[in-house]
Amino acid sequence: MLDQLAGEFSRPMSLPFGVVLLRLFMAVVLGGIVGWEREVKSREAGLRTHMLISLAAASFTLVALELVDFSDVNEDRQRTDPLRLIEAVTAGVAFLAAGSIVINHGNVRGITTGASMWLCGAIGLCCGTGDLRLAMIATAMALVVLYLVRVLVTPVLRGGDDSD
């Protein structure tokens, strides 16, 4: 029985273990970068939430890659569609993101946080597939949108309110 249990941890993977660790690590780091901005702004979904979303998306992607690789062995009995993974992650994260949006007396809050959560799902998918450059570009662009646009646009809006 111990041999069977040990066998569960020694199942061959299609990717080297170091590559898997790197992809998961990058998902956590890049998701954390986006989440840090939300945390600093004291939003409900902050650092840990974004890190976990990105890690989950990367994990699902790695599982899908393993299943696709495994399907070559049982091609006649098993059909896998890796694009379904993107649909599933997108739907799952969209559900979480929608939960962060609050409407109170006509005031809507949490839309940007919901969008950043959705983006972290995409960043995790990129990390899981090994497209780390795309994940880093998306993270950098998210910071531009979340930070620089706010810094540049907020004074203009405040100035517009004062002149009216």
N, C-alpha and C. Protein backbone atom coordinates (compact mmCIF):
# COMPACT_ATOMS: atom_id res chain seq x y z
N MET A 1 0.82 -1.19 0.00
CA MET A 1 0.00 0.00 0.00
C MET A 1 0.87 1.26 0.00
N LEU A 2 1.97 1.24 0.75
CA LEU A 2 2.87 2.39 0.75
C LEU A 2 3.45 2.64 -0.63
N ASP A 3 3.71 1.55 -1.35
CA ASP A 3 4.22 1.70 -2.72
C ASP A 3 3.21 2.41 -3.61
N GLN A 4 1.94 2.09 -3.44
CA GLN A 4 0.90 2.75 -4.22
C GLN A 4 0.83 4.24 -3.88
N LEU A 5 0.91 4.54 -2.59
CA LEU A 5 0.89 5.94 -2.18
C LEU A 5 2.10 6.69 -2.71
N ALA A 6 3.26 6.08 -2.62
CA ALA A 6 4.48 6.71 -3.14
C ALA A 6 4.38 6.89 -4.65
N GLY A 7 3.74 5.95 -5.32
CA GLY A 7 3.56 6.03 -6.76
C GLY A 7 2.73 7.24 -7.18
N GLU A 8 1.82 7.66 -6.33
CA GLU A 8 0.99 8.84 -6.63
C GLU A 8 1.84 10.11 -6.70
N PHE A 9 2.94 10.14 -5.95
CA PHE A 9 3.81 11.31 -5.95
C PHE A 9 4.93 11.21 -6.97
N SER A 10 5.07 10.06 -7.59
CA SER A 10 6.15 9.88 -8.56
C SER A 10 5.64 9.74 -9.98
N ARG A 11 4.36 10.03 -10.19
CA ARG A 11 3.80 9.96 -11.54
C ARG A 11 4.58 10.91 -12.45
N PRO A 12 5.00 10.44 -13.60
CA PRO A 12 5.78 11.32 -14.48
C PRO A 12 4.94 12.50 -14.95
N MET A 13 5.59 13.64 -15.06
CA MET A 13 4.95 14.85 -15.54
C MET A 13 5.52 15.18 -16.91
N SER A 14 4.71 15.83 -17.74
CA SER A 14 5.20 16.19 -19.06
C SER A 14 6.20 17.34 -19.00
N LEU A 15 6.11 18.15 -17.96
CA LEU A 15 7.04 19.27 -17.79
C LEU A 15 8.01 18.97 -16.65
N PRO A 16 9.24 19.43 -16.76
CA PRO A 16 10.18 19.26 -15.65
C PRO A 16 9.66 19.98 -14.40
N PHE A 17 9.95 19.42 -13.24
CA PHE A 17 9.45 19.96 -11.98
C PHE A 17 9.87 21.42 -11.79
N GLY A 18 11.09 21.76 -12.17
CA GLY A 18 11.58 23.14 -12.05
C GLY A 18 10.76 24.12 -12.88
N VAL A 19 10.33 23.69 -14.05
CA VAL A 19 9.49 24.54 -14.91
C VAL A 19 8.14 24.76 -14.26
N VAL A 20 7.58 23.72 -13.69
CA VAL A 20 6.29 23.84 -12.99
C VAL A 20 6.42 24.82 -11.83
N LEU A 21 7.48 24.69 -11.03
CA LEU A 21 7.70 25.60 -9.91
C LEU A 21 7.85 27.04 -10.39
N LEU A 22 8.60 27.25 -11.45
CA LEU A 22 8.80 28.60 -11.99
C LEU A 22 7.47 29.21 -12.43
N ARG A 23 6.67 28.44 -13.15
CA ARG A 23 5.39 28.95 -13.64
C ARG A 23 4.45 29.31 -12.50
N LEU A 24 4.38 28.45 -11.49
CA LEU A 24 3.52 28.75 -10.34
C LEU A 24 4.04 29.94 -9.55
N PHE A 25 5.36 30.01 -9.38
CA PHE A 25 5.98 31.13 -8.66
C PHE A 25 5.70 32.44 -9.38
N MET A 26 5.87 32.45 -10.69
CA MET A 26 5.61 33.67 -11.46
C MET A 26 4.15 34.09 -11.37
N ALA A 27 3.25 33.13 -11.37
CA ALA A 27 1.83 33.45 -11.22
C ALA A 27 1.57 34.14 -9.89
N VAL A 28 2.17 33.63 -8.83
CA VAL A 28 1.99 34.23 -7.50
C VAL A 28 2.59 35.63 -7.46
N VAL A 29 3.79 35.77 -7.98
CA VAL A 29 4.47 37.07 -7.94
C VAL A 29 3.72 38.11 -8.77
N LEU A 30 3.39 37.76 -10.00
CA LEU A 30 2.73 38.73 -10.89
C LEU A 30 1.31 39.04 -10.42
N GLY A 31 0.59 38.04 -9.95
CA GLY A 31 -0.73 38.30 -9.37
C GLY A 31 -0.61 39.18 -8.14
N GLY A 32 0.45 38.97 -7.37
CA GLY A 32 0.69 39.77 -6.18
C GLY A 32 1.01 41.22 -6.51
N ILE A 33 1.68 41.45 -7.61
CA ILE A 33 1.99 42.82 -8.02
C ILE A 33 0.70 43.59 -8.29
N VAL A 34 -0.21 42.96 -9.01
CA VAL A 34 -1.50 43.61 -9.28
C VAL A 34 -2.28 43.75 -7.97
N GLY A 35 -2.28 42.71 -7.15
CA GLY A 35 -3.00 42.74 -5.89
C GLY A 35 -2.45 43.77 -4.91
N TRP A 36 -1.15 44.03 -4.99
CA TRP A 36 -0.54 45.02 -4.09
C TRP A 36 -1.18 46.39 -4.29
N GLU A 37 -1.40 46.76 -5.53
CA GLU A 37 -2.02 48.06 -5.81
C GLU A 37 -3.42 48.12 -5.21
N ARG A 38 -4.16 47.03 -5.31
CA ARG A 38 -5.51 46.98 -4.73
C ARG A 38 -5.44 47.02 -3.21
N GLU A 39 -4.42 46.35 -2.64
CA GLU A 39 -4.24 46.33 -1.19
C GLU A 39 -3.93 47.73 -0.66
N VAL A 40 -3.04 48.43 -1.36
CA VAL A 40 -2.67 49.78 -0.96
C VAL A 40 -3.88 50.71 -0.98
N LYS A 41 -4.80 50.47 -1.90
CA LYS A 41 -6.01 51.28 -2.00
C LYS A 41 -7.10 50.78 -1.05
N SER A 42 -6.75 49.83 -0.19
CA SER A 42 -7.68 49.27 0.81
C SER A 42 -8.95 48.70 0.18
N ARG A 43 -8.79 47.97 -0.90
CA ARG A 43 -9.92 47.34 -1.56
C ARG A 43 -10.18 45.98 -0.92
N GLU A 44 -11.42 45.51 -1.08
CA GLU A 44 -11.82 44.25 -0.45
C GLU A 44 -10.98 43.09 -0.94
N ALA A 45 -10.76 43.01 -2.23
CA ALA A 45 -9.93 41.95 -2.81
C ALA A 45 -8.54 42.54 -3.03
N GLY A 46 -7.60 42.13 -2.19
CA GLY A 46 -6.28 42.72 -2.25
C GLY A 46 -5.20 41.74 -2.65
N LEU A 47 -4.10 41.84 -1.98
CA LEU A 47 -2.90 41.09 -2.31
C LEU A 47 -3.13 39.58 -2.32
N ARG A 48 -3.61 39.03 -1.24
CA ARG A 48 -3.76 37.57 -1.15
C ARG A 48 -4.77 37.04 -2.16
N THR A 49 -5.87 37.76 -2.32
CA THR A 49 -6.91 37.31 -3.26
C THR A 49 -6.36 37.24 -4.68
N HIS A 50 -5.66 38.28 -5.10
CA HIS A 50 -5.11 38.29 -6.45
C HIS A 50 -4.04 37.23 -6.64
N MET A 51 -3.22 37.02 -5.62
CA MET A 51 -2.20 35.98 -5.71
C MET A 51 -2.84 34.61 -5.85
N LEU A 52 -3.88 34.36 -5.08
CA LEU A 52 -4.54 33.05 -5.14
C LEU A 52 -5.27 32.84 -6.47
N ILE A 53 -5.87 33.88 -7.00
CA ILE A 53 -6.55 33.76 -8.29
C ILE A 53 -5.55 33.40 -9.38
N SER A 54 -4.44 34.11 -9.40
CA SER A 54 -3.42 33.85 -10.41
C SER A 54 -2.81 32.46 -10.25
N LEU A 55 -2.55 32.06 -9.01
CA LEU A 55 -2.01 30.72 -8.73
C LEU A 55 -3.02 29.65 -9.16
N ALA A 56 -4.28 29.86 -8.87
CA ALA A 56 -5.30 28.88 -9.26
C ALA A 56 -5.39 28.75 -10.77
N ALA A 57 -5.37 29.87 -11.46
CA ALA A 57 -5.44 29.82 -12.92
C ALA A 57 -4.23 29.09 -13.50
N ALA A 58 -3.04 29.36 -12.96
CA ALA A 58 -1.84 28.67 -13.43
C ALA A 58 -1.91 27.18 -13.13
N SER A 59 -2.43 26.85 -11.97
CA SER A 59 -2.55 25.43 -11.60
C SER A 59 -3.52 24.70 -12.53
N PHE A 60 -4.66 25.32 -12.80
CA PHE A 60 -5.61 24.72 -13.73
C PHE A 60 -4.99 24.55 -15.11
N THR A 61 -4.20 25.52 -15.52
CA THR A 61 -3.55 25.43 -16.83
C THR A 61 -2.56 24.28 -16.87
N LEU A 62 -1.77 24.14 -15.82
CA LEU A 62 -0.80 23.05 -15.77
C LEU A 62 -1.50 21.69 -15.75
N VAL A 63 -2.61 21.60 -15.03
CA VAL A 63 -3.38 20.35 -15.03
C VAL A 63 -3.88 20.05 -16.44
N ALA A 64 -4.37 21.08 -17.13
CA ALA A 64 -4.87 20.88 -18.49
C ALA A 64 -3.75 20.43 -19.43
N LEU A 65 -2.57 21.03 -19.26
CA LEU A 65 -1.44 20.62 -20.09
C LEU A 65 -1.07 19.16 -19.83
N GLU A 66 -1.12 18.76 -18.57
CA GLU A 66 -0.84 17.37 -18.23
C GLU A 66 -1.89 16.44 -18.85
N LEU A 67 -3.14 16.85 -18.81
CA LEU A 67 -4.21 16.03 -19.38
C LEU A 67 -4.08 15.91 -20.89
N VAL A 68 -3.70 17.00 -21.53
CA VAL A 68 -3.51 16.96 -22.99
C VAL A 68 -2.37 16.03 -23.33
N ASP A 69 -1.29 16.09 -22.55
CA ASP A 69 -0.16 15.19 -22.78
C ASP A 69 -0.57 13.74 -22.51
N PHE A 70 -1.38 13.54 -21.48
CA PHE A 70 -1.86 12.20 -21.13
C PHE A 70 -2.81 11.66 -22.19
N SER A 71 -3.51 12.55 -22.88
CA SER A 71 -4.50 12.09 -23.86
C SER A 71 -3.86 11.38 -25.05
N ASP A 72 -2.57 11.63 -25.29
CA ASP A 72 -1.88 10.93 -26.37
C ASP A 72 -1.82 9.43 -26.11
N VAL A 73 -1.80 9.06 -24.83
CA VAL A 73 -1.72 7.65 -24.45
C VAL A 73 -3.06 6.96 -24.72
N ASN A 74 -4.16 7.63 -24.38
CA ASN A 74 -5.50 7.05 -24.53
C ASN A 74 -6.30 7.81 -25.58
N GLU A 75 -5.70 8.06 -26.71
CA GLU A 75 -6.33 8.92 -27.73
C GLU A 75 -7.70 8.42 -28.16
N ASP A 76 -7.89 7.11 -28.22
CA ASP A 76 -9.16 6.57 -28.68
C ASP A 76 -10.25 6.65 -27.61
N ARG A 77 -9.88 6.76 -26.35
CA ARG A 77 -10.87 6.77 -25.26
C ARG A 77 -11.06 8.13 -24.60
N GLN A 78 -10.13 9.05 -24.78
CA GLN A 78 -10.20 10.31 -24.06
C GLN A 78 -10.07 11.47 -25.03
N ARG A 79 -10.95 12.44 -24.88
CA ARG A 79 -10.90 13.66 -25.68
C ARG A 79 -10.71 14.84 -24.74
N THR A 80 -9.71 15.66 -25.01
CA THR A 80 -9.49 16.85 -24.21
C THR A 80 -9.44 18.06 -25.11
N ASP A 81 -9.95 19.16 -24.61
CA ASP A 81 -9.95 20.42 -25.34
C ASP A 81 -9.37 21.49 -24.42
N PRO A 82 -8.12 21.88 -24.65
CA PRO A 82 -7.50 22.85 -23.75
C PRO A 82 -8.19 24.21 -23.75
N LEU A 83 -8.92 24.53 -24.80
CA LEU A 83 -9.62 25.82 -24.83
C LEU A 83 -10.76 25.87 -23.81
N ARG A 84 -11.28 24.72 -23.43
CA ARG A 84 -12.30 24.70 -22.39
C ARG A 84 -11.75 25.20 -21.07
N LEU A 85 -10.46 25.00 -20.86
CA LEU A 85 -9.81 25.49 -19.65
C LEU A 85 -9.95 27.00 -19.56
N ILE A 86 -9.68 27.69 -20.65
CA ILE A 86 -9.77 29.14 -20.65
C ILE A 86 -11.19 29.57 -20.34
N GLU A 87 -12.15 28.90 -20.92
CA GLU A 87 -13.56 29.21 -20.63
C GLU A 87 -13.88 28.98 -19.16
N ALA A 88 -13.40 27.89 -18.61
CA ALA A 88 -13.71 27.56 -17.21
C ALA A 88 -13.05 28.55 -16.25
N VAL A 89 -11.79 28.87 -16.48
CA VAL A 89 -11.11 29.83 -15.61
C VAL A 89 -11.77 31.19 -15.74
N THR A 90 -12.07 31.60 -16.95
CA THR A 90 -12.72 32.89 -17.17
C THR A 90 -14.05 32.96 -16.45
N ALA A 91 -14.84 31.92 -16.56
CA ALA A 91 -16.15 31.92 -15.90
C ALA A 91 -16.01 31.91 -14.38
N GLY A 92 -15.09 31.11 -13.87
CA GLY A 92 -14.90 31.04 -12.42
C GLY A 92 -14.41 32.34 -11.83
N VAL A 93 -13.43 32.96 -12.47
CA VAL A 93 -12.90 34.22 -11.96
C VAL A 93 -13.94 35.33 -12.15
N ALA A 94 -14.68 35.29 -13.24
CA ALA A 94 -15.73 36.29 -13.45
C ALA A 94 -16.77 36.22 -12.34
N PHE A 95 -17.06 35.02 -11.87
CA PHE A 95 -17.99 34.84 -10.76
C PHE A 95 -17.45 35.52 -9.50
N LEU A 96 -16.17 35.29 -9.20
CA LEU A 96 -15.54 35.94 -8.05
C LEU A 96 -15.51 37.47 -8.22
N ALA A 97 -15.14 37.89 -9.41
CA ALA A 97 -15.04 39.32 -9.68
C ALA A 97 -16.40 40.01 -9.56
N ALA A 98 -17.44 39.36 -10.04
CA ALA A 98 -18.78 39.94 -9.94
C ALA A 98 -19.19 40.10 -8.48
N GLY A 99 -18.74 39.19 -7.64
CA GLY A 99 -19.04 39.28 -6.22
C GLY A 99 -18.36 40.46 -5.53
N SER A 100 -17.33 41.01 -6.15
CA SER A 100 -16.64 42.16 -5.55
C SER A 100 -17.31 43.48 -5.91
N ILE A 101 -18.27 43.44 -6.83
CA ILE A 101 -18.95 44.66 -7.26
C ILE A 101 -20.17 44.88 -6.38
N VAL A 102 -20.26 46.06 -5.82
CA VAL A 102 -21.34 46.40 -4.89
C VAL A 102 -22.08 47.62 -5.42
N ILE A 103 -23.39 47.52 -5.45
CA ILE A 103 -24.22 48.66 -5.84
C ILE A 103 -25.01 49.08 -4.61
N ASN A 104 -24.82 50.32 -4.20
CA ASN A 104 -25.48 50.82 -2.99
C ASN A 104 -26.05 52.21 -3.29
N HIS A 105 -27.36 52.30 -3.34
CA HIS A 105 -28.04 53.58 -3.60
C HIS A 105 -27.53 54.24 -4.88
N GLY A 106 -27.37 53.48 -5.92
CA GLY A 106 -26.92 54.02 -7.20
C GLY A 106 -25.42 54.22 -7.30
N ASN A 107 -24.69 53.96 -6.23
CA ASN A 107 -23.24 54.10 -6.23
C ASN A 107 -22.62 52.72 -6.48
N VAL A 108 -21.81 52.62 -7.52
CA VAL A 108 -21.19 51.34 -7.88
C VAL A 108 -19.73 51.36 -7.43
N ARG A 109 -19.34 50.32 -6.69
CA ARG A 109 -17.96 50.20 -6.22
C ARG A 109 -17.46 48.79 -6.54
N GLY A 110 -16.16 48.68 -6.75
CA GLY A 110 -15.55 47.37 -6.93
C GLY A 110 -15.36 46.92 -8.36
N ILE A 111 -15.73 47.76 -9.31
CA ILE A 111 -15.60 47.34 -10.72
C ILE A 111 -14.13 47.17 -11.09
N THR A 112 -13.28 48.10 -10.68
CA THR A 112 -11.85 48.00 -11.00
C THR A 112 -11.23 46.79 -10.32
N THR A 113 -11.61 46.54 -9.08
CA THR A 113 -11.11 45.36 -8.38
C THR A 113 -11.55 44.09 -9.10
N GLY A 114 -12.81 44.04 -9.51
CA GLY A 114 -13.31 42.88 -10.26
C GLY A 114 -12.53 42.68 -11.55
N ALA A 115 -12.25 43.77 -12.25
CA ALA A 115 -11.49 43.68 -13.49
C ALA A 115 -10.06 43.21 -13.24
N SER A 116 -9.46 43.68 -12.14
CA SER A 116 -8.09 43.25 -11.84
C SER A 116 -8.05 41.78 -11.44
N MET A 117 -9.11 41.31 -10.80
CA MET A 117 -9.19 39.88 -10.47
C MET A 117 -9.28 39.05 -11.74
N TRP A 118 -10.07 39.51 -12.68
CA TRP A 118 -10.24 38.81 -13.95
C TRP A 118 -8.91 38.78 -14.69
N LEU A 119 -8.19 39.91 -14.66
CA LEU A 119 -6.89 39.99 -15.30
C LEU A 119 -5.90 39.02 -14.65
N CYS A 120 -5.96 38.89 -13.33
CA CYS A 120 -5.06 37.94 -12.65
C CYS A 120 -5.33 36.51 -13.09
N GLY A 121 -6.58 36.20 -13.41
CA GLY A 121 -6.88 34.89 -13.99
C GLY A 121 -6.15 34.70 -15.31
N ALA A 122 -6.15 35.74 -16.13
CA ALA A 122 -5.45 35.67 -17.42
C ALA A 122 -3.94 35.58 -17.21
N ILE A 123 -3.42 36.32 -16.25
CA ILE A 123 -1.98 36.26 -15.95
C ILE A 123 -1.61 34.84 -15.50
N GLY A 124 -2.46 34.25 -14.67
CA GLY A 124 -2.21 32.87 -14.24
C GLY A 124 -2.24 31.89 -15.40
N LEU A 125 -3.18 32.08 -16.32
CA LEU A 125 -3.23 31.22 -17.51
C LEU A 125 -1.94 31.36 -18.31
N CYS A 126 -1.46 32.59 -18.48
CA CYS A 126 -0.21 32.81 -19.21
C CYS A 126 0.95 32.10 -18.51
N CYS A 127 1.03 32.24 -17.20
CA CYS A 127 2.12 31.59 -16.47
C CYS A 127 2.02 30.08 -16.58
N GLY A 128 0.81 29.55 -16.50
CA GLY A 128 0.63 28.11 -16.59
C GLY A 128 1.05 27.54 -17.92
N THR A 129 0.82 28.29 -18.99
CA THR A 129 1.21 27.81 -20.32
C THR A 129 2.68 28.09 -20.61
N GLY A 130 3.33 28.84 -19.73
CA GLY A 130 4.75 29.13 -19.92
C GLY A 130 5.01 30.41 -20.67
N ASP A 131 3.98 31.19 -20.96
CA ASP A 131 4.16 32.45 -21.66
C ASP A 131 4.42 33.55 -20.63
N LEU A 132 5.60 33.48 -20.01
CA LEU A 132 5.93 34.39 -18.92
C LEU A 132 6.11 35.82 -19.40
N ARG A 133 6.59 35.99 -20.63
CA ARG A 133 6.73 37.35 -21.16
C ARG A 133 5.38 38.02 -21.30
N LEU A 134 4.40 37.31 -21.82
CA LEU A 134 3.06 37.87 -21.95
C LEU A 134 2.49 38.18 -20.57
N ALA A 135 2.73 37.31 -19.60
CA ALA A 135 2.26 37.54 -18.24
C ALA A 135 2.89 38.80 -17.65
N MET A 136 4.18 39.00 -17.89
CA MET A 136 4.85 40.18 -17.36
C MET A 136 4.39 41.45 -18.07
N ILE A 137 4.16 41.37 -19.37
CA ILE A 137 3.65 42.53 -20.11
C ILE A 137 2.26 42.90 -19.60
N ALA A 138 1.40 41.91 -19.41
CA ALA A 138 0.05 42.17 -18.90
C ALA A 138 0.10 42.78 -17.51
N THR A 139 1.01 42.29 -16.67
CA THR A 139 1.16 42.84 -15.32
C THR A 139 1.63 44.29 -15.37
N ALA A 140 2.62 44.57 -16.21
CA ALA A 140 3.13 45.94 -16.33
C ALA A 140 2.03 46.87 -16.85
N MET A 141 1.28 46.42 -17.82
CA MET A 141 0.21 47.25 -18.36
C MET A 141 -0.90 47.46 -17.33
N ALA A 142 -1.14 46.45 -16.50
CA ALA A 142 -2.14 46.60 -15.44
C ALA A 142 -1.70 47.68 -14.45
N LEU A 143 -0.41 47.70 -14.12
CA LEU A 143 0.08 48.73 -13.22
C LEU A 143 -0.05 50.11 -13.83
N VAL A 144 0.20 50.22 -15.12
CA VAL A 144 0.02 51.50 -15.80
C VAL A 144 -1.43 51.95 -15.68
N VAL A 145 -2.35 51.03 -15.95
CA VAL A 145 -3.77 51.37 -15.88
C VAL A 145 -4.19 51.68 -14.45
N LEU A 146 -3.80 50.83 -13.51
CA LEU A 146 -4.25 50.99 -12.12
C LEU A 146 -3.61 52.18 -11.42
N TYR A 147 -2.35 52.44 -11.70
CA TYR A 147 -1.66 53.49 -10.96
C TYR A 147 -1.52 54.78 -11.78
N LEU A 148 -0.83 54.70 -12.90
CA LEU A 148 -0.54 55.91 -13.65
C LEU A 148 -1.80 56.60 -14.17
N VAL A 149 -2.73 55.85 -14.67
CA VAL A 149 -3.95 56.48 -15.17
C VAL A 149 -4.68 57.17 -14.02
N ARG A 150 -4.73 56.54 -12.86
CA ARG A 150 -5.37 57.17 -11.70
C ARG A 150 -4.63 58.45 -11.31
N VAL A 151 -3.30 58.40 -11.28
CA VAL A 151 -2.50 59.56 -10.88
C VAL A 151 -2.68 60.70 -11.88
N LEU A 152 -2.76 60.37 -13.16
CA LEU A 152 -2.88 61.41 -14.18
C LEU A 152 -4.30 61.93 -14.36
N VAL A 153 -5.30 61.05 -14.23
CA VAL A 153 -6.68 61.43 -14.50
C VAL A 153 -7.35 62.08 -13.29
N THR A 154 -7.08 61.62 -12.10
CA THR A 154 -7.76 62.14 -10.90
C THR A 154 -7.58 63.66 -10.74
N PRO A 155 -6.37 64.21 -10.89
CA PRO A 155 -6.25 65.68 -10.77
C PRO A 155 -7.05 66.43 -11.84
N VAL A 156 -7.13 65.88 -13.03
CA VAL A 156 -7.91 66.51 -14.10
C VAL A 156 -9.39 66.52 -13.73
N LEU A 157 -9.88 65.38 -13.22
CA LEU A 157 -11.29 65.31 -12.83
C LEU A 157 -11.59 66.25 -11.67
N ARG A 158 -10.70 66.31 -10.70
CA ARG A 158 -10.91 67.22 -9.57
C ARG A 158 -10.88 68.67 -10.03
N GLY A 159 -10.00 68.97 -10.96
CA GLY A 159 -9.92 70.33 -11.50
C GLY A 159 -11.18 70.68 -12.26
N GLY A 160 -11.74 69.69 -12.97
CA GLY A 160 -12.99 69.91 -13.71
C GLY A 160 -14.16 70.14 -12.77
N ASP A 161 -14.17 69.43 -11.62
CA ASP A 161 -15.25 69.61 -10.66
C ASP A 161 -15.20 70.98 -10.01
N ASP A 162 -13.98 71.49 -9.77
CA ASP A 162 -13.83 72.77 -9.11
C ASP A 162 -14.27 73.92 -10.02
N SER A 163 -14.08 73.79 -11.34
CA SER A 163 -14.39 74.88 -12.23
C SER A 163 -15.87 74.99 -12.54
N ASP A 164 -16.65 73.96 -12.26
CA ASP A 164 -18.08 74.01 -12.56
C ASP A 164 -18.88 74.75 -11.57
